[in-house]
Structures are given as structure tokens and as C-alpha cells.
Amino acid sequence: MEKAKYVVTVDKGYWSQTDAYTMKDVHAIVAGAIRDAKEMGRSSVKFTIEIK
């Protein structure tokens, strides 16, 4: 199995980690986190992207 190139950690009230294999995956995870935050009425999103 291919090793993840990035690990995206998003603060959803708890820290949620997701492996990403391409920059497109990273973009989708970040876009989803922003969309979820807007739906929940939050004005900010905290996340980190670890480059492996």
C-alpha cells in the first residue's frame, strides 16, 4: 500500500486526522472542513498539514 504523503489534522471540536496521498486529497479535506464549519456557524477553522 502506498504511504501517505500528507497528514491533515482538523479541529472539529476534537482533533481529527486524515491521511492524504495527493495535493488534490488535501484540497478536498480542507474544503470539507471549511464547508462543515460554515454549516455549524463557526467563523474559523484550525488545521495542520504534516508533510511526510
PDB file of N, CA and C in Angstrom:
ATOM      1  N   MET A   1       0.845  -1.182   0.000  1.00  0.00           N
ATOM      2  CA  MET A   1       0.000   0.000   0.000  1.00  0.00           C
ATOM      3  C   MET A   1       0.890   1.245   0.000  1.00  0.00           C
ATOM      4  N   GLU A   2       0.453   2.257  -0.721  1.00  0.00           N
ATOM      5  CA  GLU A   2       1.200   3.497  -0.826  1.00  0.00           C
ATOM      6  C   GLU A   2       1.197   4.251   0.511  1.00  0.00           C
ATOM      7  N   LYS A   3       2.334   4.831   0.842  1.00  0.00           N
ATOM      8  CA  LYS A   3       2.459   5.600   2.086  1.00  0.00           C
ATOM      9  C   LYS A   3       1.893   7.010   1.879  1.00  0.00           C
ATOM     10  N   ALA A   4       1.175   7.494   2.879  1.00  0.00           N
ATOM     11  CA  ALA A   4       0.591   8.838   2.796  1.00  0.00           C
ATOM     12  C   ALA A   4       1.696   9.885   2.696  1.00  0.00           C
ATOM     13  N   LYS A   5       1.477  10.886   1.842  1.00  0.00           N
ATOM     14  CA  LYS A   5       2.438  11.975   1.691  1.00  0.00           C
ATOM     15  C   LYS A   5       2.135  13.136   2.632  1.00  0.00           C
ATOM     16  N   TYR A   6       0.875  13.208   3.084  1.00  0.00           N
ATOM     17  CA  TYR A   6       0.435  14.287   3.966  1.00  0.00           C
ATOM     18  C   TYR A   6      -0.483  13.710   5.034  1.00  0.00           C
ATOM     19  N   VAL A   7      -0.492  14.355   6.191  1.00  0.00           N
ATOM     20  CA  VAL A   7      -1.475  14.039   7.226  1.00  0.00           C
ATOM     21  C   VAL A   7      -2.148  15.363   7.572  1.00  0.00           C
ATOM     22  N   VAL A   8      -3.445  15.425   7.355  1.00  0.00           N
ATOM     23  CA  VAL A   8      -4.209  16.647   7.623  1.00  0.00           C
ATOM     24  C   VAL A   8      -4.952  16.446   8.942  1.00  0.00           C
ATOM     25  N   THR A   9      -4.727  17.358   9.886  1.00  0.00           N
ATOM     26  CA  THR A   9      -5.386  17.309  11.183  1.00  0.00           C
ATOM     27  C   THR A   9      -6.299  18.523  11.287  1.00  0.00           C
ATOM     28  N   VAL A  10      -7.582  18.266  11.516  1.00  0.00           N
ATOM     29  CA  VAL A  10      -8.587  19.337  11.563  1.00  0.00           C
ATOM     30  C   VAL A  10      -9.207  19.376  12.952  1.00  0.00           C
ATOM     31  N   ASP A  11      -9.381  20.594  13.496  1.00  0.00           N
ATOM     32  CA  ASP A  11     -10.046  20.772  14.786  1.00  0.00           C
ATOM     33  C   ASP A  11     -11.549  20.863  14.545  1.00  0.00           C
ATOM     34  N   LYS A  12     -12.267  19.803  14.896  1.00  0.00           N
ATOM     35  CA  LYS A  12     -13.728  19.765  14.759  1.00  0.00           C
ATOM     36  C   LYS A  12     -14.382  19.790  16.132  1.00  0.00           C
ATOM     37  N   GLY A  13     -13.722  20.425  17.076  1.00  0.00           N
ATOM     38  CA  GLY A  13     -14.136  20.327  18.473  1.00  0.00           C
ATOM     39  C   GLY A  13     -13.334  19.213  19.134  1.00  0.00           C
ATOM     40  N   TYR A  14     -12.768  18.391  18.313  1.00  0.00           N
ATOM     41  CA  TYR A  14     -11.796  17.347  18.664  1.00  0.00           C
ATOM     42  C   TYR A  14     -10.853  17.262  17.462  1.00  0.00           C
ATOM     43  N   TRP A  15      -9.670  16.746  17.649  1.00  0.00           N
ATOM     44  CA  TRP A  15      -8.700  16.684  16.557  1.00  0.00           C
ATOM     45  C   TRP A  15      -8.932  15.429  15.732  1.00  0.00           C
ATOM     46  N   SER A  16      -9.154  15.608  14.441  1.00  0.00           N
ATOM     47  CA  SER A  16      -9.423  14.505  13.523  1.00  0.00           C
ATOM     48  C   SER A  16      -8.301  14.428  12.489  1.00  0.00           C
ATOM     49  N   GLN A  17      -7.624  13.289  12.405  1.00  0.00           N
ATOM     50  CA  GLN A  17      -6.523  13.115  11.459  1.00  0.00           C
ATOM     51  C   GLN A  17      -6.969  12.312  10.252  1.00  0.00           C
ATOM     52  N   THR A  18      -6.527  12.752   9.070  1.00  0.00           N
ATOM     53  CA  THR A  18      -6.831  12.044   7.828  1.00  0.00           C
ATOM     54  C   THR A  18      -5.568  11.979   6.984  1.00  0.00           C
ATOM     55  N   ASP A  19      -5.266  10.797   6.452  1.00  0.00           N
ATOM     56  CA  ASP A  19      -4.133  10.652   5.532  1.00  0.00           C
ATOM     57  C   ASP A  19      -4.529  11.162   4.156  1.00  0.00           C
ATOM     58  N   ALA A  20      -3.576  11.791   3.481  1.00  0.00           N
ATOM     59  CA  ALA A  20      -3.804  12.267   2.116  1.00  0.00           C
ATOM     60  C   ALA A  20      -2.622  11.807   1.255  1.00  0.00           C
ATOM     61  N   TYR A  21      -2.931  11.366   0.053  1.00  0.00           N
ATOM     62  CA  TYR A  21      -1.905  10.822  -0.830  1.00  0.00           C
ATOM     63  C   TYR A  21      -1.501  11.787  -1.932  1.00  0.00           C
ATOM     64  N   THR A  22      -2.373  12.748  -2.241  1.00  0.00           N
ATOM     65  CA  THR A  22      -2.073  13.755  -3.263  1.00  0.00           C
ATOM     66  C   THR A  22      -2.510  15.130  -2.752  1.00  0.00           C
ATOM     67  N   MET A  23      -2.068  16.168  -3.435  1.00  0.00           N
ATOM     68  CA  MET A  23      -2.477  17.522  -3.068  1.00  0.00           C
ATOM     69  C   MET A  23      -3.979  17.696  -3.302  1.00  0.00           C
ATOM     70  N   LYS A  24      -4.522  16.963  -4.261  1.00  0.00           N
ATOM     71  CA  LYS A  24      -5.969  17.005  -4.513  1.00  0.00           C
ATOM     72  C   LYS A  24      -6.731  16.481  -3.297  1.00  0.00           C
ATOM     73  N   ASP A  25      -6.218  15.435  -2.654  1.00  0.00           N
ATOM     74  CA  ASP A  25      -6.827  14.915  -1.432  1.00  0.00           C
ATOM     75  C   ASP A  25      -6.794  15.963  -0.326  1.00  0.00           C
ATOM     76  N   VAL A  26      -5.647  16.648  -0.185  1.00  0.00           N
ATOM     77  CA  VAL A  26      -5.510  17.700   0.832  1.00  0.00           C
ATOM     78  C   VAL A  26      -6.555  18.788   0.586  1.00  0.00           C
ATOM     79  N   HIS A  27      -6.691  19.204  -0.662  1.00  0.00           N
ATOM     80  CA  HIS A  27      -7.660  20.242  -1.014  1.00  0.00           C
ATOM     81  C   HIS A  27      -9.080  19.813  -0.646  1.00  0.00           C
ATOM     82  N   ALA A  28      -9.433  18.578  -0.940  1.00  0.00           N
ATOM     83  CA  ALA A  28     -10.776  18.088  -0.641  1.00  0.00           C
ATOM     84  C   ALA A  28     -11.042  18.061   0.867  1.00  0.00           C
ATOM     85  N   ILE A  29     -10.050  17.655   1.649  1.00  0.00           N
ATOM     86  CA  ILE A  29     -10.202  17.598   3.109  1.00  0.00           C
ATOM     87  C   ILE A  29     -10.385  19.005   3.677  1.00  0.00           C
ATOM     88  N   VAL A  30      -9.558  19.946   3.222  1.00  0.00           N
ATOM     89  CA  VAL A  30      -9.638  21.328   3.709  1.00  0.00           C
ATOM     90  C   VAL A  30     -10.963  21.965   3.290  1.00  0.00           C
ATOM     91  N   ALA A  31     -11.370  21.754   2.047  1.00  0.00           N
ATOM     92  CA  ALA A  31     -12.642  22.313   1.570  1.00  0.00           C
ATOM     93  C   ALA A  31     -13.806  21.756   2.384  1.00  0.00           C
ATOM     94  N   GLY A  32     -13.759  20.471   2.692  1.00  0.00           N
ATOM     95  CA  GLY A  32     -14.806  19.857   3.505  1.00  0.00           C
ATOM     96  C   GLY A  32     -14.847  20.430   4.910  1.00  0.00           C
ATOM     97  N   ALA A  33     -13.671  20.682   5.481  1.00  0.00           N
ATOM     98  CA  ALA A  33     -13.608  21.256   6.831  1.00  0.00           C
ATOM     99  C   ALA A  33     -14.189  22.670   6.848  1.00  0.00           C
ATOM    100  N   ILE A  34     -13.905  23.433   5.807  1.00  0.00           N
ATOM    101  CA  ILE A  34     -14.451  24.796   5.713  1.00  0.00           C
ATOM    102  C   ILE A  34     -15.966  24.742   5.551  1.00  0.00           C
ATOM    103  N   ARG A  35     -16.446  23.860   4.684  1.00  0.00           N
ATOM    104  CA  ARG A  35     -17.883  23.710   4.469  1.00  0.00           C
ATOM    105  C   ARG A  35     -18.592  23.303   5.760  1.00  0.00           C
ATOM    106  N   ASP A  36     -18.020  22.332   6.477  1.00  0.00           N
ATOM    107  CA  ASP A  36     -18.609  21.880   7.746  1.00  0.00           C
ATOM    108  C   ASP A  36     -18.654  23.012   8.769  1.00  0.00           C
ATOM    109  N   ALA A  37     -17.579  23.797   8.852  1.00  0.00           N
ATOM    110  CA  ALA A  37     -17.528  24.906   9.807  1.00  0.00           C
ATOM    111  C   ALA A  37     -18.603  25.942   9.495  1.00  0.00           C
ATOM    112  N   LYS A  38     -18.782  26.250   8.213  1.00  0.00           N
ATOM    113  CA  LYS A  38     -19.808  27.221   7.824  1.00  0.00           C
ATOM    114  C   LYS A  38     -21.193  26.720   8.208  1.00  0.00           C
ATOM    115  N   GLU A  39     -21.451  25.414   7.975  1.00  0.00           N
ATOM    116  CA  GLU A  39     -22.752  24.843   8.310  1.00  0.00           C
ATOM    117  C   GLU A  39     -23.013  24.867   9.810  1.00  0.00           C
ATOM    118  N   MET A  40     -21.939  24.754  10.602  1.00  0.00           N
ATOM    119  CA  MET A  40     -22.073  24.759  12.060  1.00  0.00           C
ATOM    120  C   MET A  40     -22.068  26.178  12.626  1.00  0.00           C
ATOM    121  N   GLY A  41     -21.901  27.188  11.762  1.00  0.00           N
ATOM    122  CA  GLY A  41     -21.913  28.572  12.202  1.00  0.00           C
ATOM    123  C   GLY A  41     -20.599  29.042  12.804  1.00  0.00           C
ATOM    124  N   ARG A  42     -19.538  28.308  12.566  1.00  0.00           N
ATOM    125  CA  ARG A  42     -18.231  28.703  13.096  1.00  0.00           C
ATOM    126  C   ARG A  42     -17.584  29.720  12.161  1.00  0.00           C
ATOM    127  N   SER A  43     -16.787  30.618  12.726  1.00  0.00           N
ATOM    128  CA  SER A  43     -16.156  31.653  11.909  1.00  0.00           C
ATOM    129  C   SER A  43     -14.694  31.354  11.590  1.00  0.00           C
ATOM    130  N   SER A  44     -14.188  30.236  12.105  1.00  0.00           N
ATOM    131  CA  SER A  44     -12.801  29.878  11.804  1.00  0.00           C
ATOM    132  C   SER A  44     -12.629  28.360  11.824  1.00  0.00           C
ATOM    133  N   VAL A  45     -11.562  27.919  11.177  1.00  0.00           N
ATOM    134  CA  VAL A  45     -11.208  26.505  11.140  1.00  0.00           C
ATOM    135  C   VAL A  45      -9.719  26.412  11.427  1.00  0.00           C
ATOM    136  N   LYS A  46      -9.341  25.499  12.323  1.00  0.00           N
ATOM    137  CA  LYS A  46      -7.927  25.281  12.627  1.00  0.00           C
ATOM    138  C   LYS A  46      -7.522  23.926  12.067  1.00  0.00           C
ATOM    139  N   PHE A  47      -6.406  23.904  11.354  1.00  0.00           N
ATOM    140  CA  PHE A  47      -5.910  22.632  10.878  1.00  0.00           C
ATOM    141  C   PHE A  47      -4.400  22.710  10.677  1.00  0.00           C
ATOM    142  N   THR A  48      -3.771  21.553  10.665  1.00  0.00           N
ATOM    143  CA  THR A  48      -2.352  21.458  10.343  1.00  0.00           C
ATOM    144  C   THR A  48      -2.201  20.439   9.225  1.00  0.00           C
ATOM    145  N   ILE A  49      -1.177  20.642   8.408  1.00  0.00           N
ATOM    146  CA  ILE A  49      -0.861  19.698   7.346  1.00  0.00           C
ATOM    147  C   ILE A  49       0.590  19.272   7.553  1.00  0.00           C
ATOM    148  N   GLU A  50       0.762  18.001   7.856  1.00  0.00           N
ATOM    149  CA  GLU A  50       2.101  17.440   8.059  1.00  0.00           C
ATOM    150  C   GLU A  50       2.561  16.848   6.731  1.00  0.00           C
ATOM    151  N   ILE A  51       3.735  17.269   6.280  1.00  0.00           N
ATOM    152  CA  ILE A  51       4.305  16.754   5.041  1.00  0.00           C
ATOM    153  C   ILE A  51       5.257  15.634   5.382  1.00  0.00           C
ATOM    154  N   LYS A  52       5.010  14.458   4.861  1.00  0.00           N
ATOM    155  CA  LYS A  52       5.830  13.284   5.174  1.00  0.00           C
ATOM    156  C   LYS A  52       7.031  13.211   4.257  1.00  0.00           C
TER     157      LYS A  52
END
